[in-house]
Amino acid sequence: MIGTTLQARIFVCTQDTNVRKSFNALSSIIKSAIHLDPLAGYLFVFKNKRAYRIKVVCWEGDGFAMWYKVLQKGTFPFPDLANFSSAGIEMDPSTLSLILQGIDLASIRRRET
């Protein structure tokens, strides 16, 4: 599982994506929709329309790495991404970890620092 101590920035694609796409097709989405460089070393998170499939793509200097998860039951509890005007939003590692664990973000209370 992807750890919560990542140093890389994380960007979530707000558009529903066919997560069966290859590295090249997802790289094109990163360039054209999110307007970032796919080779920057960031983690890019994609979800399908029903939010039961998720794919994370990252350039590691010598090639792309991919993490892919398909839920047998239920969905990943993403926030409502339709409310964002941008095709990509930045997310902190702890929020991504909560989503991957199936924890509804609306049900938790975070401390103000």
PDB file of N, CA and C in Angstrom:
ATOM      1  N   MET A   1       0.832  -1.191   0.000  1.00  0.00           N
ATOM      2  CA  MET A   1       0.000   0.000   0.000  1.00  0.00           C
ATOM      3  C   MET A   1       0.869   1.242   0.000  1.00  0.00           C
ATOM      4  N   ILE A   2       0.345   2.295  -0.577  1.00  0.00           N
ATOM      5  CA  ILE A   2       1.072   3.549  -0.642  1.00  0.00           C
ATOM      6  C   ILE A   2       1.125   4.133   0.759  1.00  0.00           C
ATOM      7  N   GLY A   3       2.320   4.479   1.207  1.00  0.00           N
ATOM      8  CA  GLY A   3       2.499   5.002   2.556  1.00  0.00           C
ATOM      9  C   GLY A   3       2.040   6.436   2.704  1.00  0.00           C
ATOM     10  N   THR A   4       1.885   6.867   3.933  1.00  0.00           N
ATOM     11  CA  THR A   4       1.442   8.240   4.198  1.00  0.00           C
ATOM     12  C   THR A   4       2.605   9.180   4.437  1.00  0.00           C
ATOM     13  N   THR A   5       3.833   8.690   4.335  1.00  0.00           N
ATOM     14  CA  THR A   5       4.988   9.551   4.556  1.00  0.00           C
ATOM     15  C   THR A   5       5.639   9.951   3.240  1.00  0.00           C
ATOM     16  N   LEU A   6       4.889   9.954   2.189  1.00  0.00           N
ATOM     17  CA  LEU A   6       5.415  10.294   0.880  1.00  0.00           C
ATOM     18  C   LEU A   6       5.901  11.735   0.841  1.00  0.00           C
ATOM     19  N   GLN A   7       6.984  11.940   0.116  1.00  0.00           N
ATOM     20  CA  GLN A   7       7.504  13.285  -0.079  1.00  0.00           C
ATOM     21  C   GLN A   7       6.942  13.911  -1.355  1.00  0.00           C
ATOM     22  N   ALA A   8       6.433  13.086  -2.255  1.00  0.00           N
ATOM     23  CA  ALA A   8       5.929  13.574  -3.531  1.00  0.00           C
ATOM     24  C   ALA A   8       4.585  14.277  -3.353  1.00  0.00           C
ATOM     25  N   ARG A   9       4.350  15.256  -4.198  1.00  0.00           N
ATOM     26  CA  ARG A   9       3.041  15.899  -4.222  1.00  0.00           C
ATOM     27  C   ARG A   9       2.057  14.961  -4.904  1.00  0.00           C
ATOM     28  N   ILE A  10       0.787  15.059  -4.516  1.00  0.00           N
ATOM     29  CA  ILE A  10      -0.254  14.170  -5.033  1.00  0.00           C
ATOM     30  C   ILE A  10      -1.314  15.009  -5.717  1.00  0.00           C
ATOM     31  N   PHE A  11      -1.651  14.633  -6.941  1.00  0.00           N
ATOM     32  CA  PHE A  11      -2.696  15.319  -7.691  1.00  0.00           C
ATOM     33  C   PHE A  11      -3.761  14.311  -8.092  1.00  0.00           C
ATOM     34  N   VAL A  12      -5.009  14.665  -7.854  1.00  0.00           N
ATOM     35  CA  VAL A  12      -6.139  13.811  -8.196  1.00  0.00           C
ATOM     36  C   VAL A  12      -6.824  14.393  -9.423  1.00  0.00           C
ATOM     37  N   CYS A  13      -7.029  13.564 -10.427  1.00  0.00           N
ATOM     38  CA  CYS A  13      -7.760  13.984 -11.617  1.00  0.00           C
ATOM     39  C   CYS A  13      -9.241  14.056 -11.256  1.00  0.00           C
ATOM     40  N   THR A  14      -9.858  15.216 -11.453  1.00  0.00           N
ATOM     41  CA  THR A  14     -11.257  15.395 -11.084  1.00  0.00           C
ATOM     42  C   THR A  14     -12.208  14.814 -12.129  1.00  0.00           C
ATOM     43  N   GLN A  15     -11.689  14.484 -13.295  1.00  0.00           N
ATOM     44  CA  GLN A  15     -12.509  13.886 -14.347  1.00  0.00           C
ATOM     45  C   GLN A  15     -12.550  12.369 -14.157  1.00  0.00           C
ATOM     46  N   ASP A  16     -13.702  11.780 -14.384  1.00  0.00           N
ATOM     47  CA  ASP A  16     -13.774  10.324 -14.381  1.00  0.00           C
ATOM     48  C   ASP A  16     -12.913   9.807 -15.523  1.00  0.00           C
ATOM     49  N   THR A  17     -12.170   8.745 -15.275  1.00  0.00           N
ATOM     50  CA  THR A  17     -11.184   8.256 -16.233  1.00  0.00           C
ATOM     51  C   THR A  17     -11.350   6.757 -16.431  1.00  0.00           C
ATOM     52  N   ASN A  18     -11.128   6.312 -17.650  1.00  0.00           N
ATOM     53  CA  ASN A  18     -11.047   4.884 -17.910  1.00  0.00           C
ATOM     54  C   ASN A  18      -9.691   4.433 -17.378  1.00  0.00           C
ATOM     55  N   VAL A  19      -9.658   3.855 -16.193  1.00  0.00           N
ATOM     56  CA  VAL A  19      -8.395   3.521 -15.550  1.00  0.00           C
ATOM     57  C   VAL A  19      -7.713   2.301 -16.164  1.00  0.00           C
ATOM     58  N   ARG A  20      -8.321   1.713 -17.183  1.00  0.00           N
ATOM     59  CA  ARG A  20      -7.648   0.640 -17.915  1.00  0.00           C
ATOM     60  C   ARG A  20      -6.641   1.202 -18.909  1.00  0.00           C
ATOM     61  N   LYS A  21      -6.586   2.531 -19.012  1.00  0.00           N
ATOM     62  CA  LYS A  21      -5.666   3.167 -19.955  1.00  0.00           C
ATOM     63  C   LYS A  21      -4.217   2.907 -19.564  1.00  0.00           C
ATOM     64  N   SER A  22      -3.345   3.011 -20.563  1.00  0.00           N
ATOM     65  CA  SER A  22      -1.921   2.760 -20.379  1.00  0.00           C
ATOM     66  C   SER A  22      -1.211   3.994 -19.820  1.00  0.00           C
ATOM     67  N   PHE A  23       0.082   3.820 -19.546  1.00  0.00           N
ATOM     68  CA  PHE A  23       0.901   4.941 -19.084  1.00  0.00           C
ATOM     69  C   PHE A  23       0.839   6.109 -20.063  1.00  0.00           C
ATOM     70  N   ASN A  24       0.943   5.807 -21.353  1.00  0.00           N
ATOM     71  CA  ASN A  24       0.962   6.862 -22.366  1.00  0.00           C
ATOM     72  C   ASN A  24      -0.350   7.641 -22.398  1.00  0.00           C
ATOM     73  N   ALA A  25      -1.461   6.935 -22.337  1.00  0.00           N
ATOM     74  CA  ALA A  25      -2.763   7.609 -22.375  1.00  0.00           C
ATOM     75  C   ALA A  25      -2.974   8.443 -21.115  1.00  0.00           C
ATOM     76  N   LEU A  26      -2.587   7.923 -19.956  1.00  0.00           N
ATOM     77  CA  LEU A  26      -2.728   8.682 -18.718  1.00  0.00           C
ATOM     78  C   LEU A  26      -1.774   9.880 -18.704  1.00  0.00           C
ATOM     79  N   SER A  27      -0.593   9.716 -19.280  1.00  0.00           N
ATOM     80  CA  SER A  27       0.345  10.841 -19.396  1.00  0.00           C
ATOM     81  C   SER A  27      -0.254  11.959 -20.228  1.00  0.00           C
ATOM     82  N   SER A  28      -0.975  11.600 -21.274  1.00  0.00           N
ATOM     83  CA  SER A  28      -1.635  12.610 -22.112  1.00  0.00           C
ATOM     84  C   SER A  28      -2.688  13.372 -21.315  1.00  0.00           C
ATOM     85  N   ILE A  29      -3.425  12.682 -20.457  1.00  0.00           N
ATOM     86  CA  ILE A  29      -4.422  13.340 -19.605  1.00  0.00           C
ATOM     87  C   ILE A  29      -3.731  14.281 -18.626  1.00  0.00           C
ATOM     88  N   ILE A  30      -2.615  13.851 -18.072  1.00  0.00           N
ATOM     89  CA  ILE A  30      -1.868  14.690 -17.136  1.00  0.00           C
ATOM     90  C   ILE A  30      -1.425  15.977 -17.825  1.00  0.00           C
ATOM     91  N   LYS A  31      -0.921  15.853 -19.052  1.00  0.00           N
ATOM     92  CA  LYS A  31      -0.453  17.035 -19.795  1.00  0.00           C
ATOM     93  C   LYS A  31      -1.605  17.933 -20.222  1.00  0.00           C
ATOM     94  N   SER A  32      -2.633  17.351 -20.836  1.00  0.00           N
ATOM     95  CA  SER A  32      -3.681  18.160 -21.466  1.00  0.00           C
ATOM     96  C   SER A  32      -4.755  18.644 -20.493  1.00  0.00           C
ATOM     97  N   ALA A  33      -5.111  17.846 -19.513  1.00  0.00           N
ATOM     98  CA  ALA A  33      -6.210  18.224 -18.617  1.00  0.00           C
ATOM     99  C   ALA A  33      -5.713  18.832 -17.301  1.00  0.00           C
ATOM    100  N   ILE A  34      -4.702  18.209 -16.701  1.00  0.00           N
ATOM    101  CA  ILE A  34      -4.213  18.687 -15.406  1.00  0.00           C
ATOM    102  C   ILE A  34      -3.138  19.759 -15.587  1.00  0.00           C
ATOM    103  N   HIS A  35      -2.533  19.809 -16.765  1.00  0.00           N
ATOM    104  CA  HIS A  35      -1.513  20.808 -17.123  1.00  0.00           C
ATOM    105  C   HIS A  35      -0.264  20.689 -16.262  1.00  0.00           C
ATOM    106  N   LEU A  36       0.171  19.457 -16.031  1.00  0.00           N
ATOM    107  CA  LEU A  36       1.405  19.203 -15.304  1.00  0.00           C
ATOM    108  C   LEU A  36       2.275  18.254 -16.114  1.00  0.00           C
ATOM    109  N   ASP A  37       3.534  18.200 -15.755  1.00  0.00           N
ATOM    110  CA  ASP A  37       4.485  17.317 -16.419  1.00  0.00           C
ATOM    111  C   ASP A  37       4.405  15.930 -15.789  1.00  0.00           C
ATOM    112  N   PRO A  38       4.064  14.895 -16.558  1.00  0.00           N
ATOM    113  CA  PRO A  38       3.972  13.551 -15.992  1.00  0.00           C
ATOM    114  C   PRO A  38       5.314  13.018 -15.488  1.00  0.00           C
ATOM    115  N   LEU A  39       6.421  13.636 -15.909  1.00  0.00           N
ATOM    116  CA  LEU A  39       7.751  13.199 -15.496  1.00  0.00           C
ATOM    117  C   LEU A  39       8.266  13.978 -14.286  1.00  0.00           C
ATOM    118  N   ALA A  40       7.400  14.741 -13.629  1.00  0.00           N
ATOM    119  CA  ALA A  40       7.815  15.590 -12.503  1.00  0.00           C
ATOM    120  C   ALA A  40       8.031  14.805 -11.212  1.00  0.00           C
ATOM    121  N   GLY A  41       7.611  13.557 -11.159  1.00  0.00           N
ATOM    122  CA  GLY A  41       7.779  12.760  -9.955  1.00  0.00           C
ATOM    123  C   GLY A  41       6.603  12.845  -9.005  1.00  0.00           C
ATOM    124  N   TYR A  42       5.535  13.513  -9.418  1.00  0.00           N
ATOM    125  CA  TYR A  42       4.335  13.607  -8.593  1.00  0.00           C
ATOM    126  C   TYR A  42       3.532  12.311  -8.718  1.00  0.00           C
ATOM    127  N   LEU A  43       2.664  12.067  -7.749  1.00  0.00           N
ATOM    128  CA  LEU A  43       1.715  10.968  -7.848  1.00  0.00           C
ATOM    129  C   LEU A  43       0.437  11.516  -8.473  1.00  0.00           C
ATOM    130  N   PHE A  44      -0.065  10.833  -9.487  1.00  0.00           N
ATOM    131  CA  PHE A  44      -1.295  11.230 -10.154  1.00  0.00           C
ATOM    132  C   PHE A  44      -2.326  10.134  -9.912  1.00  0.00           C
ATOM    133  N   VAL A  45      -3.466  10.531  -9.355  1.00  0.00           N
ATOM    134  CA  VAL A  45      -4.509   9.589  -8.960  1.00  0.00           C
ATOM    135  C   VAL A  45      -5.684   9.723  -9.927  1.00  0.00           C
ATOM    136  N   PHE A  46      -6.133   8.591 -10.446  1.00  0.00           N
ATOM    137  CA  PHE A  46      -7.276   8.547 -11.357  1.00  0.00           C
ATOM    138  C   PHE A  46      -8.305   7.573 -10.788  1.00  0.00           C
ATOM    139  N   LYS A  47      -9.582   7.894 -10.981  1.00  0.00           N
ATOM    140  CA  LYS A  47     -10.649   6.984 -10.564  1.00  0.00           C
ATOM    141  C   LYS A  47     -11.628   6.821 -11.721  1.00  0.00           C
ATOM    142  N   ASN A  48     -12.324   5.690 -11.721  1.00  0.00           N
ATOM    143  CA  ASN A  48     -13.339   5.502 -12.753  1.00  0.00           C
ATOM    144  C   ASN A  48     -14.647   6.161 -12.327  1.00  0.00           C
ATOM    145  N   LYS A  49     -15.630   6.146 -13.210  1.00  0.00           N
ATOM    146  CA  LYS A  49     -16.893   6.852 -12.972  1.00  0.00           C
ATOM    147  C   LYS A  49     -17.611   6.384 -11.715  1.00  0.00           C
ATOM    148  N   ARG A  50     -17.623   5.072 -11.468  1.00  0.00           N
ATOM    149  CA  ARG A  50     -18.335   4.547 -10.300  1.00  0.00           C
ATOM    150  C   ARG A  50     -17.450   4.499  -9.055  1.00  0.00           C
ATOM    151  N   ALA A  51     -16.216   4.942  -9.164  1.00  0.00           N
ATOM    152  CA  ALA A  51     -15.262   5.070  -8.048  1.00  0.00           C
ATOM    153  C   ALA A  51     -14.965   3.755  -7.326  1.00  0.00           C
ATOM    154  N   TYR A  52     -14.966   2.648  -8.060  1.00  0.00           N
ATOM    155  CA  TYR A  52     -14.551   1.392  -7.447  1.00  0.00           C
ATOM    156  C   TYR A  52     -13.207   0.920  -8.000  1.00  0.00           C
ATOM    157  N   ARG A  53     -12.663   1.657  -8.950  1.00  0.00           N
ATOM    158  CA  ARG A  53     -11.326   1.394  -9.483  1.00  0.00           C
ATOM    159  C   ARG A  53     -10.500   2.662  -9.315  1.00  0.00           C
ATOM    160  N   ILE A  54      -9.251   2.469  -8.931  1.00  0.00           N
ATOM    161  CA  ILE A  54      -8.355   3.602  -8.752  1.00  0.00           C
ATOM    162  C   ILE A  54      -6.984   3.220  -9.304  1.00  0.00           C
ATOM    163  N   LYS A  55      -6.328   4.188  -9.931  1.00  0.00           N
ATOM    164  CA  LYS A  55      -4.981   3.953 -10.452  1.00  0.00           C
ATOM    165  C   LYS A  55      -4.119   5.142 -10.059  1.00  0.00           C
ATOM    166  N   VAL A  56      -2.926   4.848  -9.546  1.00  0.00           N
ATOM    167  CA  VAL A  56      -1.963   5.879  -9.178  1.00  0.00           C
ATOM    168  C   VAL A  56      -0.729   5.676 -10.055  1.00  0.00           C
ATOM    169  N   VAL A  57      -0.284   6.754 -10.700  1.00  0.00           N
ATOM    170  CA  VAL A  57       0.846   6.697 -11.611  1.00  0.00           C
ATOM    171  C   VAL A  57       1.906   7.685 -11.139  1.00  0.00           C
ATOM    172  N   CYS A  58       3.169   7.276 -11.228  1.00  0.00           N
ATOM    173  CA  CYS A  58       4.271   8.139 -10.806  1.00  0.00           C
ATOM    174  C   CYS A  58       5.506   7.836 -11.645  1.00  0.00           C
ATOM    175  N   TRP A  59       6.217   8.884 -12.037  1.00  0.00           N
ATOM    176  CA  TRP A  59       7.504   8.728 -12.716  1.00  0.00           C
ATOM    177  C   TRP A  59       8.579   8.609 -11.649  1.00  0.00           C
ATOM    178  N   GLU A  60       9.401   7.579 -11.707  1.00  0.00           N
ATOM    179  CA  GLU A  60      10.423   7.356 -10.694  1.00  0.00           C
ATOM    180  C   GLU A  60      11.838   7.614 -11.179  1.00  0.00           C
ATOM    181  N   GLY A  61      11.998   8.383 -12.245  1.00  0.00           N
ATOM    182  CA  GLY A  61      13.324   8.722 -12.739  1.00  0.00           C
ATOM    183  C   GLY A  61      13.802   7.820 -13.857  1.00  0.00           C
ATOM    184  N   ASP A  62      13.472   6.545 -13.782  1.00  0.00           N
ATOM    185  CA  ASP A  62      13.894   5.620 -14.830  1.00  0.00           C
ATOM    186  C   ASP A  62      12.709   4.896 -15.475  1.00  0.00           C
ATOM    187  N   GLY A  63      11.515   5.260 -15.063  1.00  0.00           N
ATOM    188  CA  GLY A  63      10.320   4.659 -15.638  1.00  0.00           C
ATOM    189  C   GLY A  63       9.104   4.957 -14.787  1.00  0.00           C
ATOM    190  N   PHE A  64       7.940   4.645 -15.340  1.00  0.00           N
ATOM    191  CA  PHE A  64       6.691   4.855 -14.616  1.00  0.00           C
ATOM    192  C   PHE A  64       6.425   3.689 -13.668  1.00  0.00           C
ATOM    193  N   ALA A  65       5.859   4.019 -12.523  1.00  0.00           N
ATOM    194  CA  ALA A  65       5.361   3.018 -11.594  1.00  0.00           C
ATOM    195  C   ALA A  65       3.851   3.201 -11.514  1.00  0.00           C
ATOM    196  N   MET A  66       3.149   2.101 -11.312  1.00  0.00           N
ATOM    197  CA  MET A  66       1.691   2.171 -11.276  1.00  0.00           C
ATOM    198  C   MET A  66       1.167   1.330 -10.131  1.00  0.00           C
ATOM    199  N   TRP A  67       0.166   1.857  -9.460  1.00  0.00           N
ATOM    200  CA  TRP A  67      -0.529   1.137  -8.397  1.00  0.00           C
ATOM    201  C   TRP A  67      -2.002   1.139  -8.786  1.00  0.00           C
ATOM    202  N   TYR A  68      -2.621  -0.025  -8.783  1.00  0.00           N
ATOM    203  CA  TYR A  68      -3.988  -0.169  -9.289  1.00  0.00           C
ATOM    204  C   TYR A  68      -4.784  -1.007  -8.295  1.00  0.00           C
ATOM    205  N   LYS A  69      -5.967  -0.535  -7.947  1.00  0.00           N
ATOM    206  CA  LYS A  69      -6.804  -1.282  -7.014  1.00  0.00           C
ATOM    207  C   LYS A  69      -8.239  -1.287  -7.512  1.00  0.00           C
ATOM    208  N   VAL A  70      -8.851  -2.467  -7.459  1.00  0.00           N
ATOM    209  CA  VAL A  70     -10.251  -2.640  -7.826  1.00  0.00           C
ATOM    210  C   VAL A  70     -10.972  -3.211  -6.611  1.00  0.00           C
ATOM    211  N   LEU A  71     -12.001  -2.513  -6.152  1.00  0.00           N
ATOM    212  CA  LEU A  71     -12.780  -2.996  -5.021  1.00  0.00           C
ATOM    213  C   LEU A  71     -13.801  -4.032  -5.482  1.00  0.00           C
ATOM    214  N   GLN A  72     -13.965  -5.086  -4.725  1.00  0.00           N
ATOM    215  CA  GLN A  72     -14.973  -6.099  -5.030  1.00  0.00           C
ATOM    216  C   GLN A  72     -16.351  -5.641  -4.601  1.00  0.00           C
ATOM    217  N   LYS A  73     -16.392  -4.761  -3.595  1.00  0.00           N
ATOM    218  CA  LYS A  73     -17.658  -4.272  -3.074  1.00  0.00           C
ATOM    219  C   LYS A  73     -17.445  -2.841  -2.587  1.00  0.00           C
ATOM    220  N   GLY A  74     -18.396  -1.962  -2.838  1.00  0.00           N
ATOM    221  CA  GLY A  74     -18.310  -0.590  -2.368  1.00  0.00           C
ATOM    222  C   GLY A  74     -17.544   0.322  -3.319  1.00  0.00           C
ATOM    223  N   THR A  75     -17.296   1.521  -2.855  1.00  0.00           N
ATOM    224  CA  THR A  75     -16.589   2.520  -3.656  1.00  0.00           C
ATOM    225  C   THR A  75     -15.579   3.251  -2.784  1.00  0.00           C
ATOM    226  N   PHE A  76     -14.607   3.889  -3.448  1.00  0.00           N
ATOM    227  CA  PHE A  76     -13.677   4.747  -2.739  1.00  0.00           C
ATOM    228  C   PHE A  76     -14.415   6.036  -2.386  1.00  0.00           C
ATOM    229  N   PRO A  77     -14.317   6.504  -1.149  1.00  0.00           N
ATOM    230  CA  PRO A  77     -15.090   7.677  -0.712  1.00  0.00           C
ATOM    231  C   PRO A  77     -14.425   9.010  -1.073  1.00  0.00           C
ATOM    232  N   PHE A  78     -14.318   9.294  -2.361  1.00  0.00           N
ATOM    233  CA  PHE A  78     -13.752  10.565  -2.803  1.00  0.00           C
ATOM    234  C   PHE A  78     -14.705  11.702  -2.454  1.00  0.00           C
ATOM    235  N   PRO A  79     -14.166  12.891  -2.187  1.00  0.00           N
ATOM    236  CA  PRO A  79     -15.055  14.054  -2.042  1.00  0.00           C
ATOM    237  C   PRO A  79     -15.709  14.330  -3.392  1.00  0.00           C
ATOM    238  N   ASP A  80     -16.715  15.169  -3.416  1.00  0.00           N
ATOM    239  CA  ASP A  80     -17.395  15.497  -4.674  1.00  0.00           C
ATOM    240  C   ASP A  80     -16.443  16.298  -5.552  1.00  0.00           C
ATOM    241  N   LEU A  81     -15.847  15.624  -6.528  1.00  0.00           N
ATOM    242  CA  LEU A  81     -14.849  16.261  -7.384  1.00  0.00           C
ATOM    243  C   LEU A  81     -15.473  17.128  -8.466  1.00  0.00           C
ATOM    244  N   ALA A  82     -16.775  17.034  -8.672  1.00  0.00           N
ATOM    245  CA  ALA A  82     -17.446  17.830  -9.702  1.00  0.00           C
ATOM    246  C   ALA A  82     -17.470  19.310  -9.350  1.00  0.00           C
ATOM    247  N   ASN A  83     -17.274  19.643  -8.077  1.00  0.00           N
ATOM    248  CA  ASN A  83     -17.321  21.036  -7.646  1.00  0.00           C
ATOM    249  C   ASN A  83     -16.040  21.808  -7.932  1.00  0.00           C
ATOM    250  N   PHE A  84     -15.012  21.135  -8.414  1.00  0.00           N
ATOM    251  CA  PHE A  84     -13.747  21.797  -8.682  1.00  0.00           C
ATOM    252  C   PHE A  84     -13.691  22.258 -10.126  1.00  0.00           C
ATOM    253  N   SER A  85     -13.206  23.477 -10.339  1.00  0.00           N
ATOM    254  CA  SER A  85     -13.134  24.016 -11.690  1.00  0.00           C
ATOM    255  C   SER A  85     -11.920  23.481 -12.444  1.00  0.00           C
ATOM    256  N   SER A  86     -10.919  23.039 -11.730  1.00  0.00           N
ATOM    257  CA  SER A  86      -9.705  22.520 -12.336  1.00  0.00           C
ATOM    258  C   SER A  86      -9.850  21.028 -12.593  1.00  0.00           C
ATOM    259  N   ALA A  87      -9.114  20.518 -13.584  1.00  0.00           N
ATOM    260  CA  ALA A  87      -9.158  19.088 -13.893  1.00  0.00           C
ATOM    261  C   ALA A  87      -8.295  18.276 -12.937  1.00  0.00           C
ATOM    262  N   GLY A  88      -7.499  18.955 -12.118  1.00  0.00           N
ATOM    263  CA  GLY A  88      -6.669  18.264 -11.151  1.00  0.00           C
ATOM    264  C   GLY A  88      -6.567  19.066  -9.868  1.00  0.00           C
ATOM    265  N   ILE A  89      -6.664  18.387  -8.746  1.00  0.00           N
ATOM    266  CA  ILE A  89      -6.530  19.072  -7.459  1.00  0.00           C
ATOM    267  C   ILE A  89      -5.411  18.405  -6.663  1.00  0.00           C
ATOM    268  N   GLU A  90      -4.749  19.197  -5.844  1.00  0.00           N
ATOM    269  CA  GLU A  90      -3.697  18.630  -5.006  1.00  0.00           C
ATOM    270  C   GLU A  90      -4.323  18.077  -3.732  1.00  0.00           C
ATOM    271  N   MET A  91      -3.792  16.950  -3.288  1.00  0.00           N
ATOM    272  CA  MET A  91      -4.316  16.281  -2.099  1.00  0.00           C
ATOM    273  C   MET A  91      -3.134  15.911  -1.204  1.00  0.00           C
ATOM    274  N   ASP A  92      -3.328  16.014   0.096  1.00  0.00           N
ATOM    275  CA  ASP A  92      -2.240  15.635   1.005  1.00  0.00           C
ATOM    276  C   ASP A  92      -2.238  14.117   1.202  1.00  0.00           C
ATOM    277  N   PRO A  93      -1.086  13.554   1.574  1.00  0.00           N
ATOM    278  CA  PRO A  93      -0.977  12.097   1.708  1.00  0.00           C
ATOM    279  C   PRO A  93      -1.953  11.497   2.717  1.00  0.00           C
ATOM    280  N   SER A  94      -2.234  12.210   3.808  1.00  0.00           N
ATOM    281  CA  SER A  94      -3.141  11.641   4.807  1.00  0.00           C
ATOM    282  C   SER A  94      -4.563  11.513   4.265  1.00  0.00           C
ATOM    283  N   THR A  95      -5.001  12.470   3.453  1.00  0.00           N
ATOM    284  CA  THR A  95      -6.335  12.398   2.853  1.00  0.00           C
ATOM    285  C   THR A  95      -6.416  11.229   1.875  1.00  0.00           C
ATOM    286  N   LEU A  96      -5.383  11.071   1.052  1.00  0.00           N
ATOM    287  CA  LEU A  96      -5.365   9.947   0.121  1.00  0.00           C
ATOM    288  C   LEU A  96      -5.379   8.626   0.885  1.00  0.00           C
ATOM    289  N   SER A  97      -4.636   8.543   1.958  1.00  0.00           N
ATOM    290  CA  SER A  97      -4.609   7.328   2.769  1.00  0.00           C
ATOM    291  C   SER A  97      -6.001   6.997   3.325  1.00  0.00           C
ATOM    292  N   LEU A  98      -6.708   8.014   3.799  1.00  0.00           N
ATOM    293  CA  LEU A  98      -8.069   7.799   4.311  1.00  0.00           C
ATOM    294  C   LEU A  98      -8.992   7.273   3.219  1.00  0.00           C
ATOM    295  N   ILE A  99      -8.897   7.851   2.030  1.00  0.00           N
ATOM    296  CA  ILE A  99      -9.725   7.405   0.905  1.00  0.00           C
ATOM    297  C   ILE A  99      -9.419   5.956   0.568  1.00  0.00           C
ATOM    298  N   LEU A 100      -8.131   5.604   0.509  1.00  0.00           N
ATOM    299  CA  LEU A 100      -7.743   4.237   0.161  1.00  0.00           C
ATOM    300  C   LEU A 100      -8.176   3.231   1.221  1.00  0.00           C
ATOM    301  N   GLN A 101      -8.319   3.682   2.460  1.00  0.00           N
ATOM    302  CA  GLN A 101      -8.795   2.819   3.542  1.00  0.00           C
ATOM    303  C   GLN A 101     -10.319   2.744   3.598  1.00  0.00           C
ATOM    304  N   GLY A 102     -10.995   3.547   2.771  1.00  0.00           N
ATOM    305  CA  GLY A 102     -12.449   3.511   2.733  1.00  0.00           C
ATOM    306  C   GLY A 102     -13.122   4.380   3.776  1.00  0.00           C
ATOM    307  N   ILE A 103     -12.384   5.312   4.356  1.00  0.00           N
ATOM    308  CA  ILE A 103     -12.939   6.184   5.384  1.00  0.00           C
ATOM    309  C   ILE A 103     -13.564   7.411   4.739  1.00  0.00           C
ATOM    310  N   ASP A 104     -14.829   7.650   5.023  1.00  0.00           N
ATOM    311  CA  ASP A 104     -15.551   8.785   4.477  1.00  0.00           C
ATOM    312  C   ASP A 104     -15.003  10.074   5.093  1.00  0.00           C
ATOM    313  N   LEU A 105     -14.529  10.967   4.266  1.00  0.00           N
ATOM    314  CA  LEU A 105     -13.914  12.208   4.742  1.00  0.00           C
ATOM    315  C   LEU A 105     -14.898  13.087   5.499  1.00  0.00           C
ATOM    316  N   ALA A 106     -16.174  13.002   5.169  1.00  0.00           N
ATOM    317  CA  ALA A 106     -17.188  13.818   5.856  1.00  0.00           C
ATOM    318  C   ALA A 106     -17.412  13.331   7.287  1.00  0.00           C
ATOM    319  N   SER A 107     -17.023  12.106   7.578  1.00  0.00           N
ATOM    320  CA  SER A 107     -17.288  11.545   8.908  1.00  0.00           C
ATOM    321  C   SER A 107     -16.175  11.823   9.907  1.00  0.00           C
ATOM    322  N   ILE A 108     -15.090  12.433   9.462  1.00  0.00           N
ATOM    323  CA  ILE A 108     -13.980  12.687  10.379  1.00  0.00           C
ATOM    324  C   ILE A 108     -13.863  14.163  10.668  1.00  0.00           C
ATOM    325  N   ARG A 109     -13.302  14.460  11.805  1.00  0.00           N
ATOM    326  CA  ARG A 109     -13.053  15.839  12.203  1.00  0.00           C
ATOM    327  C   ARG A 109     -11.557  16.017  12.334  1.00  0.00           C
ATOM    328  N   ARG A 110     -11.020  16.998  11.646  1.00  0.00           N
ATOM    329  CA  ARG A 110      -9.587  17.242  11.702  1.00  0.00           C
ATOM    330  C   ARG A 110      -9.278  18.388  12.648  1.00  0.00           C
ATOM    331  N   ARG A 111      -8.138  18.274  13.299  1.00  0.00           N
ATOM    332  CA  ARG A 111      -7.678  19.338  14.185  1.00  0.00           C
ATOM    333  C   ARG A 111      -7.107  20.495  13.385  1.00  0.00           C
ATOM    334  N   GLU A 112      -7.392  21.680  13.827  1.00  0.00           N
ATOM    335  CA  GLU A 112      -6.788  22.857  13.227  1.00  0.00           C
ATOM    336  C   GLU A 112      -5.417  23.048  13.839  1.00  0.00           C
ATOM    337  N   THR A 113      -4.421  23.313  13.009  1.00  0.00           N
ATOM    338  CA  THR A 113      -3.056  23.514  13.531  1.00  0.00           C
ATOM    339  C   THR A 113      -2.627  24.937  13.392  1.00  0.00           C
TER     340      THR A 113
END
